[in-house]
Amino acid sequence: MQISNNKILITGGASGIGLGLTERFLKEHNTVIICGRRAEVLAEIAQKHPSVITKVCDLSDETERIDLFNWIEENHSDLNVLINNAGIQNWMSVEDENFYEKASEEITTNILAPIHLANLFSSLKSIKTIVNVTSGLAFIPLAKAPVYCATKAFMRSFTLSLRRLLQDSNIEVIEMIPPALNTDLGGKGIHDAYPPVSEFIESIFEQLKEGKVELTFGMSEGRLQANNDVIVKGFNMMNP
């Protein structure tokens, strides 16, 4: 993926990893569009970075995802990069009274939304790159966040297949695999002891410059390598 002179849509681009990506891509002379549910947060980012284009969109709503795509197609038909970054994480137990409600919310946001957007945007004539943000927890789950980990394992599997399915379409498929970082994912304070997002972003951009399609940092690097040592040969055999 070229890192400059793109028009990029980043879902969940107003906070955490999404905001880090937004600010770093701006430095590399890209046009960045971000979407999210909270208009006030998007307005704060637009005030801080006037060149950022914002769009209020609840990705858990199928109709709003379609509206987002139609808006892009009508107003930004030269968009060439989609980054599926938006996600939610709940620390919970299957015995919790609201477990199913929270699980449904996670599955919709972390799985249905990105696969729907991948389907929609792969038909956009200008699209060149789709980036799916997964997690080191896709390889080894944290039992306290059971559904979140399962959604990221799903997205890792889907991304492997998507890359193979689109290989003849000249659409590059990249997987970004963060470890735990100092963000508010899962709740304020839970991840305060982990590395800052800025270190992760700098590492990611170095890997993008090298042309890598599986982007890791810290603990996620070793987990990816251990996983690939086991499955790559079998994957290639099953998917010639």
C-alpha atoms as a PDB file:
ATOM      1  CA  MET A   1       0.000   0.000   0.000  1.00  0.00           C
ATOM      2  CA  GLN A   2       1.267   3.455  -0.835  1.00  0.00           C
ATOM      3  CA  ILE A   3       1.097   5.650   2.256  1.00  0.00           C
ATOM      4  CA  SER A   4       0.616   9.038   0.566  1.00  0.00           C
ATOM      5  CA  ASN A   5      -1.870  10.688  -1.791  1.00  0.00           C
ATOM      6  CA  ASN A   6      -4.795   8.426  -0.927  1.00  0.00           C
ATOM      7  CA  LYS A   7      -8.380   9.154  -0.019  1.00  0.00           C
ATOM      8  CA  ILE A   8      -9.068   6.975   3.011  1.00  0.00           C
ATOM      9  CA  LEU A   9     -12.179   6.079   4.986  1.00  0.00           C
ATOM     10  CA  ILE A  10     -11.396   5.088   8.586  1.00  0.00           C
ATOM     11  CA  THR A  11     -14.305   3.731  10.602  1.00  0.00           C
ATOM     12  CA  GLY A  12     -14.029   4.653  14.261  1.00  0.00           C
ATOM     13  CA  GLY A  13     -11.406   7.206  13.259  1.00  0.00           C
ATOM     14  CA  ALA A  14     -12.067   9.653  16.092  1.00  0.00           C
ATOM     15  CA  SER A  15     -10.506   7.741  18.994  1.00  0.00           C
ATOM     16  CA  GLY A  16      -7.887   5.159  19.936  1.00  0.00           C
ATOM     17  CA  ILE A  17      -6.122   3.401  17.091  1.00  0.00           C
ATOM     18  CA  GLY A  18      -8.475   5.037  14.589  1.00  0.00           C
ATOM     19  CA  LEU A  19      -7.455   8.528  15.691  1.00  0.00           C
ATOM     20  CA  GLY A  20      -3.793   7.535  15.621  1.00  0.00           C
ATOM     21  CA  LEU A  21      -4.201   6.338  12.044  1.00  0.00           C
ATOM     22  CA  THR A  22      -6.130   9.480  11.112  1.00  0.00           C
ATOM     23  CA  GLU A  23      -3.422  11.809  12.368  1.00  0.00           C
ATOM     24  CA  ARG A  24      -0.563   9.779  10.872  1.00  0.00           C
ATOM     25  CA  PHE A  25      -2.194   9.508   7.443  1.00  0.00           C
ATOM     26  CA  LEU A  26      -2.764  13.268   7.479  1.00  0.00           C
ATOM     27  CA  LYS A  27       0.974  13.761   8.004  1.00  0.00           C
ATOM     28  CA  GLU A  28       1.587  11.630   4.920  1.00  0.00           C
ATOM     29  CA  HIS A  29      -0.544  13.948   2.742  1.00  0.00           C
ATOM     30  CA  ASN A  30      -3.681  11.852   2.499  1.00  0.00           C
ATOM     31  CA  THR A  31      -7.306  12.933   2.451  1.00  0.00           C
ATOM     32  CA  VAL A  32      -8.976  11.272   5.435  1.00  0.00           C
ATOM     33  CA  ILE A  33     -12.678  10.631   6.011  1.00  0.00           C
ATOM     34  CA  ILE A  34     -13.750   9.344   9.415  1.00  0.00           C
ATOM     35  CA  CYS A  35     -17.117   8.085  10.579  1.00  0.00           C
ATOM     36  CA  GLY A  36     -18.620   7.379  13.964  1.00  0.00           C
ATOM     37  CA  ARG A  37     -21.806   7.542  15.991  1.00  0.00           C
ATOM     38  CA  ARG A  38     -21.019  10.597  18.127  1.00  0.00           C
ATOM     39  CA  ALA A  39     -21.377  13.873  16.244  1.00  0.00           C
ATOM     40  CA  GLU A  40     -19.747  15.868  19.050  1.00  0.00           C
ATOM     41  CA  VAL A  41     -16.590  13.745  18.981  1.00  0.00           C
ATOM     42  CA  LEU A  42     -16.343  14.010  15.205  1.00  0.00           C
ATOM     43  CA  ALA A  43     -16.762  17.785  15.511  1.00  0.00           C
ATOM     44  CA  GLU A  44     -13.854  17.951  17.971  1.00  0.00           C
ATOM     45  CA  ILE A  45     -11.591  16.099  15.537  1.00  0.00           C
ATOM     46  CA  ALA A  46     -12.681  18.334  12.654  1.00  0.00           C
ATOM     47  CA  GLN A  47     -11.898  21.400  14.745  1.00  0.00           C
ATOM     48  CA  LYS A  48      -8.444  20.063  15.585  1.00  0.00           C
ATOM     49  CA  HIS A  49      -7.809  18.820  12.030  1.00  0.00           C
ATOM     50  CA  PRO A  50      -9.849  20.987   9.630  1.00  0.00           C
ATOM     51  CA  SER A  51      -8.914  18.899   6.591  1.00  0.00           C
ATOM     52  CA  VAL A  52     -10.593  15.779   8.035  1.00  0.00           C
ATOM     53  CA  ILE A  53     -13.970  14.969   6.488  1.00  0.00           C
ATOM     54  CA  THR A  54     -16.478  13.576   8.976  1.00  0.00           C
ATOM     55  CA  LYS A  55     -19.647  11.543   8.607  1.00  0.00           C
ATOM     56  CA  VAL A  56     -22.006  10.550  11.397  1.00  0.00           C
ATOM     57  CA  CYS A  57     -22.855   6.880  10.960  1.00  0.00           C
ATOM     58  CA  ASP A  58     -23.974   4.106  13.292  1.00  0.00           C
ATOM     59  CA  LEU A  59     -22.260   1.074  11.789  1.00  0.00           C
ATOM     60  CA  SER A  60     -24.461  -1.281  13.781  1.00  0.00           C
ATOM     61  CA  ASP A  61     -27.355  -0.211  11.530  1.00  0.00           C
ATOM     62  CA  GLU A  62     -27.419  -1.912   8.121  1.00  0.00           C
ATOM     63  CA  THR A  63     -29.304   0.975   6.531  1.00  0.00           C
ATOM     64  CA  GLU A  64     -26.722   3.482   7.747  1.00  0.00           C
ATOM     65  CA  ARG A  65     -23.897   1.356   6.330  1.00  0.00           C
ATOM     66  CA  ILE A  66     -25.603   1.409   2.938  1.00  0.00           C
ATOM     67  CA  ASP A  67     -26.190   5.151   3.260  1.00  0.00           C
ATOM     68  CA  LEU A  68     -22.499   5.626   4.080  1.00  0.00           C
ATOM     69  CA  PHE A  69     -21.468   3.762   0.952  1.00  0.00           C
ATOM     70  CA  ASN A  70     -23.937   5.679  -1.216  1.00  0.00           C
ATOM     71  CA  TRP A  71     -22.648   8.977   0.235  1.00  0.00           C
ATOM     72  CA  ILE A  72     -19.066   7.973  -0.541  1.00  0.00           C
ATOM     73  CA  GLU A  73     -19.991   6.851  -4.049  1.00  0.00           C
ATOM     74  CA  GLU A  74     -21.755  10.154  -4.724  1.00  0.00           C
ATOM     75  CA  ASN A  75     -19.339  12.565  -3.048  1.00  0.00           C
ATOM     76  CA  HIS A  76     -15.990  10.769  -2.855  1.00  0.00           C
ATOM     77  CA  SER A  77     -15.948   8.328  -5.746  1.00  0.00           C
ATOM     78  CA  ASP A  78     -12.135   8.510  -5.805  1.00  0.00           C
ATOM     79  CA  LEU A  79     -11.869   6.827  -2.387  1.00  0.00           C
ATOM     80  CA  ASN A  80      -9.221   4.133  -2.689  1.00  0.00           C
ATOM     81  CA  VAL A  81      -8.663   2.857   0.878  1.00  0.00           C
ATOM     82  CA  LEU A  82     -11.148   1.426   3.387  1.00  0.00           C
ATOM     83  CA  ILE A  83      -9.938   0.810   6.947  1.00  0.00           C
ATOM     84  CA  ASN A  84     -12.355  -1.296   9.003  1.00  0.00           C
ATOM     85  CA  ASN A  85     -11.232  -0.168  12.428  1.00  0.00           C
ATOM     86  CA  ALA A  86     -14.401   0.433  14.491  1.00  0.00           C
ATOM     87  CA  GLY A  87     -14.924  -2.120  17.230  1.00  0.00           C
ATOM     88  CA  ILE A  88     -16.194  -2.607  20.763  1.00  0.00           C
ATOM     89  CA  GLN A  89     -14.981  -4.828  23.579  1.00  0.00           C
ATOM     90  CA  ASN A  90     -16.962  -6.016  26.604  1.00  0.00           C
ATOM     91  CA  TRP A  91     -15.461  -7.732  29.617  1.00  0.00           C
ATOM     92  CA  MET A  92     -18.283 -10.009  30.735  1.00  0.00           C
ATOM     93  CA  SER A  93     -19.426 -13.488  31.689  1.00  0.00           C
ATOM     94  CA  VAL A  94     -21.940 -15.745  29.976  1.00  0.00           C
ATOM     95  CA  GLU A  95     -23.813 -15.723  33.289  1.00  0.00           C
ATOM     96  CA  ASP A  96     -24.417 -11.960  33.124  1.00  0.00           C
ATOM     97  CA  GLU A  97     -28.041 -10.944  32.703  1.00  0.00           C
ATOM     98  CA  ASN A  98     -27.225  -8.692  29.732  1.00  0.00           C
ATOM     99  CA  PHE A  99     -24.658 -11.041  28.166  1.00  0.00           C
ATOM    100  CA  TYR A 100     -26.656 -11.793  25.029  1.00  0.00           C
ATOM    101  CA  GLU A 101     -27.461  -8.125  24.420  1.00  0.00           C
ATOM    102  CA  LYS A 102     -23.805  -7.123  24.688  1.00  0.00           C
ATOM    103  CA  ALA A 103     -22.692 -10.125  22.629  1.00  0.00           C
ATOM    104  CA  SER A 104     -25.108  -9.201  19.848  1.00  0.00           C
ATOM    105  CA  GLU A 105     -23.790  -5.644  19.850  1.00  0.00           C
ATOM    106  CA  GLU A 106     -20.188  -6.855  19.580  1.00  0.00           C
ATOM    107  CA  ILE A 107     -20.969  -9.306  16.791  1.00  0.00           C
ATOM    108  CA  THR A 108     -22.822  -6.662  14.795  1.00  0.00           C
ATOM    109  CA  THR A 109     -20.132  -3.996  15.160  1.00  0.00           C
ATOM    110  CA  ASN A 110     -17.043  -6.211  14.982  1.00  0.00           C
ATOM    111  CA  ILE A 111     -18.184  -8.708  12.321  1.00  0.00           C
ATOM    112  CA  LEU A 112     -21.328  -7.808  10.389  1.00  0.00           C
ATOM    113  CA  ALA A 113     -20.353  -4.171   9.848  1.00  0.00           C
ATOM    114  CA  PRO A 114     -16.842  -4.765   8.444  1.00  0.00           C
ATOM    115  CA  ILE A 115     -17.844  -7.685   6.215  1.00  0.00           C
ATOM    116  CA  HIS A 116     -20.776  -5.649   4.886  1.00  0.00           C
ATOM    117  CA  LEU A 117     -18.503  -2.685   4.184  1.00  0.00           C
ATOM    118  CA  ALA A 118     -15.943  -4.943   2.510  1.00  0.00           C
ATOM    119  CA  ASN A 119     -18.712  -6.260   0.284  1.00  0.00           C
ATOM    120  CA  LEU A 120     -19.994  -2.776  -0.552  1.00  0.00           C
ATOM    121  CA  PHE A 121     -16.666  -1.051  -1.101  1.00  0.00           C
ATOM    122  CA  SER A 122     -15.088  -3.847  -3.130  1.00  0.00           C
ATOM    123  CA  SER A 123     -17.487  -2.770  -5.883  1.00  0.00           C
ATOM    124  CA  LEU A 124     -16.194   0.823  -5.831  1.00  0.00           C
ATOM    125  CA  LYS A 125     -14.132   1.249  -9.007  1.00  0.00           C
ATOM    126  CA  SER A 126     -11.442   3.304  -7.295  1.00  0.00           C
ATOM    127  CA  ILE A 127     -10.842   1.007  -4.310  1.00  0.00           C
ATOM    128  CA  LYS A 128      -7.302  -0.344  -4.086  1.00  0.00           C
ATOM    129  CA  THR A 129      -6.872  -1.393  -0.454  1.00  0.00           C
ATOM    130  CA  ILE A 130      -9.044  -2.843   2.310  1.00  0.00           C
ATOM    131  CA  VAL A 131      -7.548  -2.933   5.811  1.00  0.00           C
ATOM    132  CA  ASN A 132      -9.167  -5.006   8.561  1.00  0.00           C
ATOM    133  CA  VAL A 133      -8.104  -4.341  12.141  1.00  0.00           C
ATOM    134  CA  THR A 134      -8.110  -7.575  14.124  1.00  0.00           C
ATOM    135  CA  SER A 135      -6.207  -8.286  17.373  1.00  0.00           C
ATOM    136  CA  GLY A 136      -3.562 -10.428  18.982  1.00  0.00           C
ATOM    137  CA  LEU A 137      -6.532 -11.883  20.876  1.00  0.00           C
ATOM    138  CA  ALA A 138      -7.583 -13.543  17.619  1.00  0.00           C
ATOM    139  CA  PHE A 139      -4.892 -16.146  18.333  1.00  0.00           C
ATOM    140  CA  ILE A 140      -5.140 -16.572  22.120  1.00  0.00           C
ATOM    141  CA  PRO A 141      -8.423 -15.438  23.709  1.00  0.00           C
ATOM    142  CA  LEU A 142      -8.804 -13.530  26.940  1.00  0.00           C
ATOM    143  CA  ALA A 143     -11.679 -15.306  28.695  1.00  0.00           C
ATOM    144  CA  LYS A 144     -12.846 -12.050  30.298  1.00  0.00           C
ATOM    145  CA  ALA A 145     -13.676 -10.756  26.803  1.00  0.00           C
ATOM    146  CA  PRO A 146     -15.026 -13.953  25.243  1.00  0.00           C
ATOM    147  CA  VAL A 147     -17.121 -12.555  22.402  1.00  0.00           C
ATOM    148  CA  TYR A 148     -14.657  -9.833  21.442  1.00  0.00           C
ATOM    149  CA  CYS A 149     -11.875 -12.403  21.048  1.00  0.00           C
ATOM    150  CA  ALA A 150     -14.135 -14.646  18.988  1.00  0.00           C
ATOM    151  CA  THR A 151     -15.075 -11.748  16.690  1.00  0.00           C
ATOM    152  CA  LYS A 152     -11.425 -10.990  16.053  1.00  0.00           C
ATOM    153  CA  ALA A 153     -10.682 -14.660  15.317  1.00  0.00           C
ATOM    154  CA  PHE A 154     -13.554 -14.542  12.836  1.00  0.00           C
ATOM    155  CA  MET A 155     -12.161 -11.405  11.194  1.00  0.00           C
ATOM    156  CA  ARG A 156      -8.692 -12.913  10.917  1.00  0.00           C
ATOM    157  CA  SER A 157     -10.136 -15.956   9.140  1.00  0.00           C
ATOM    158  CA  PHE A 158     -12.318 -13.760   6.930  1.00  0.00           C
ATOM    159  CA  THR A 159      -9.364 -11.543   6.032  1.00  0.00           C
ATOM    160  CA  LEU A 160      -7.265 -14.513   4.923  1.00  0.00           C
ATOM    161  CA  SER A 161     -10.070 -15.619   2.620  1.00  0.00           C
ATOM    162  CA  LEU A 162     -10.821 -12.082   1.424  1.00  0.00           C
ATOM    163  CA  ARG A 163      -7.196 -11.595   0.380  1.00  0.00           C
ATOM    164  CA  ARG A 164      -7.325 -14.766  -1.686  1.00  0.00           C
ATOM    165  CA  LEU A 165     -10.759 -13.964  -3.156  1.00  0.00           C
ATOM    166  CA  LEU A 166      -9.679 -10.494  -4.292  1.00  0.00           C
ATOM    167  CA  GLN A 167      -6.215 -11.374  -5.539  1.00  0.00           C
ATOM    168  CA  ASP A 168      -7.345 -11.134  -9.174  1.00  0.00           C
ATOM    169  CA  SER A 169      -9.185  -7.855  -8.583  1.00  0.00           C
ATOM    170  CA  ASN A 170      -6.065  -5.807  -7.820  1.00  0.00           C
ATOM    171  CA  ILE A 171      -7.461  -5.007  -4.373  1.00  0.00           C
ATOM    172  CA  GLU A 172      -4.849  -5.400  -1.665  1.00  0.00           C
ATOM    173  CA  VAL A 173      -6.135  -6.791   1.634  1.00  0.00           C
ATOM    174  CA  ILE A 174      -4.161  -5.907   4.744  1.00  0.00           C
ATOM    175  CA  GLU A 175      -4.618  -7.165   8.286  1.00  0.00           C
ATOM    176  CA  MET A 176      -3.597  -4.897  11.143  1.00  0.00           C
ATOM    177  CA  ILE A 177      -3.050  -6.937  14.316  1.00  0.00           C
ATOM    178  CA  PRO A 178      -2.600  -4.755  17.417  1.00  0.00           C
ATOM    179  CA  PRO A 179      -1.754  -6.137  20.843  1.00  0.00           C
ATOM    180  CA  ALA A 180      -3.145  -4.498  23.969  1.00  0.00           C
ATOM    181  CA  LEU A 181      -2.493  -0.751  23.781  1.00  0.00           C
ATOM    182  CA  ASN A 182      -3.178   2.204  26.039  1.00  0.00           C
ATOM    183  CA  THR A 183      -6.694   2.991  24.805  1.00  0.00           C
ATOM    184  CA  ASP A 184     -10.149   3.058  26.363  1.00  0.00           C
ATOM    185  CA  LEU A 185     -11.182  -0.141  24.558  1.00  0.00           C
ATOM    186  CA  GLY A 186     -13.091  -2.285  27.041  1.00  0.00           C
ATOM    187  CA  GLY A 187     -13.333   0.574  29.550  1.00  0.00           C
ATOM    188  CA  LYS A 188     -11.296   3.472  30.919  1.00  0.00           C
ATOM    189  CA  GLY A 189      -8.159   2.486  32.798  1.00  0.00           C
ATOM    190  CA  ILE A 190      -8.125  -1.195  31.821  1.00  0.00           C
ATOM    191  CA  HIS A 191      -5.221  -0.784  29.405  1.00  0.00           C
ATOM    192  CA  ASP A 192      -3.297   2.082  31.022  1.00  0.00           C
ATOM    193  CA  ALA A 193      -0.185  -0.043  31.562  1.00  0.00           C
ATOM    194  CA  TYR A 194       0.188  -0.989  27.899  1.00  0.00           C
ATOM    195  CA  PRO A 195       2.221   0.742  25.152  1.00  0.00           C
ATOM    196  CA  PRO A 196       0.930   4.014  23.704  1.00  0.00           C
ATOM    197  CA  VAL A 197      -0.914   4.028  20.396  1.00  0.00           C
ATOM    198  CA  SER A 198       1.792   6.269  18.902  1.00  0.00           C
ATOM    199  CA  GLU A 199       4.434   3.511  19.131  1.00  0.00           C
ATOM    200  CA  PHE A 200       2.101   1.052  17.443  1.00  0.00           C
ATOM    201  CA  ILE A 201       1.271   3.505  14.648  1.00  0.00           C
ATOM    202  CA  GLU A 202       4.919   4.229  13.874  1.00  0.00           C
ATOM    203  CA  SER A 203       5.651   0.509  13.653  1.00  0.00           C
ATOM    204  CA  ILE A 204       2.641  -0.041  11.410  1.00  0.00           C
ATOM    205  CA  PHE A 205       3.748   2.646   8.970  1.00  0.00           C
ATOM    206  CA  GLU A 206       7.231   1.195   8.734  1.00  0.00           C
ATOM    207  CA  GLN A 207       5.679  -2.165   7.830  1.00  0.00           C
ATOM    208  CA  LEU A 208       3.393  -0.531   5.264  1.00  0.00           C
ATOM    209  CA  LYS A 209       6.437   1.039   3.635  1.00  0.00           C
ATOM    210  CA  GLU A 210       7.972  -2.447   3.449  1.00  0.00           C
ATOM    211  CA  GLY A 211       4.883  -3.755   1.640  1.00  0.00           C
ATOM    212  CA  LYS A 212       3.745  -6.132   4.382  1.00  0.00           C
ATOM    213  CA  VAL A 213       0.104  -7.262   4.470  1.00  0.00           C
ATOM    214  CA  GLU A 214       0.068  -8.610   8.052  1.00  0.00           C
ATOM    215  CA  LEU A 215       1.013  -5.800  10.404  1.00  0.00           C
ATOM    216  CA  THR A 216       2.027  -6.636  13.960  1.00  0.00           C
ATOM    217  CA  PHE A 217       3.500  -5.024  17.053  1.00  0.00           C
ATOM    218  CA  GLY A 218       4.886  -6.386  20.300  1.00  0.00           C
ATOM    219  CA  MET A 219       3.227  -9.599  21.419  1.00  0.00           C
ATOM    220  CA  SER A 220       1.090  -9.888  18.284  1.00  0.00           C
ATOM    221  CA  GLU A 221       4.215 -10.460  16.164  1.00  0.00           C
ATOM    222  CA  GLY A 222       5.101 -13.721  17.913  1.00  0.00           C
ATOM    223  CA  ARG A 223       1.509 -14.924  17.914  1.00  0.00           C
ATOM    224  CA  LEU A 224       1.191 -14.319  14.176  1.00  0.00           C
ATOM    225  CA  GLN A 225       4.424 -16.153  13.439  1.00  0.00           C
ATOM    226  CA  ALA A 226       3.434 -19.159  15.552  1.00  0.00           C
ATOM    227  CA  ASN A 227       0.056 -19.257  13.849  1.00  0.00           C
ATOM    228  CA  ASN A 228       1.510 -18.966  10.349  1.00  0.00           C
ATOM    229  CA  ASP A 229       4.050 -21.695  11.005  1.00  0.00           C
ATOM    230  CA  VAL A 230       1.101 -24.039  11.505  1.00  0.00           C
ATOM    231  CA  ILE A 231      -1.509 -22.966   8.971  1.00  0.00           C
ATOM    232  CA  VAL A 232       0.099 -21.320   5.918  1.00  0.00           C
ATOM    233  CA  LYS A 233       1.070 -24.562   4.192  1.00  0.00           C
ATOM    234  CA  GLY A 234      -2.382 -26.029   4.781  1.00  0.00           C
ATOM    235  CA  PHE A 235      -4.130 -22.823   3.683  1.00  0.00           C
ATOM    236  CA  ASN A 236      -2.188 -22.733   0.435  1.00  0.00           C
ATOM    237  CA  MET A 237      -2.904 -26.404  -0.190  1.00  0.00           C
ATOM    238  CA  MET A 238      -6.651 -25.878   0.289  1.00  0.00           C
ATOM    239  CA  ASN A 239      -6.691 -22.641  -1.711  1.00  0.00           C
ATOM    240  CA  PRO A 240      -4.422 -23.090  -4.747  1.00  0.00           C
END
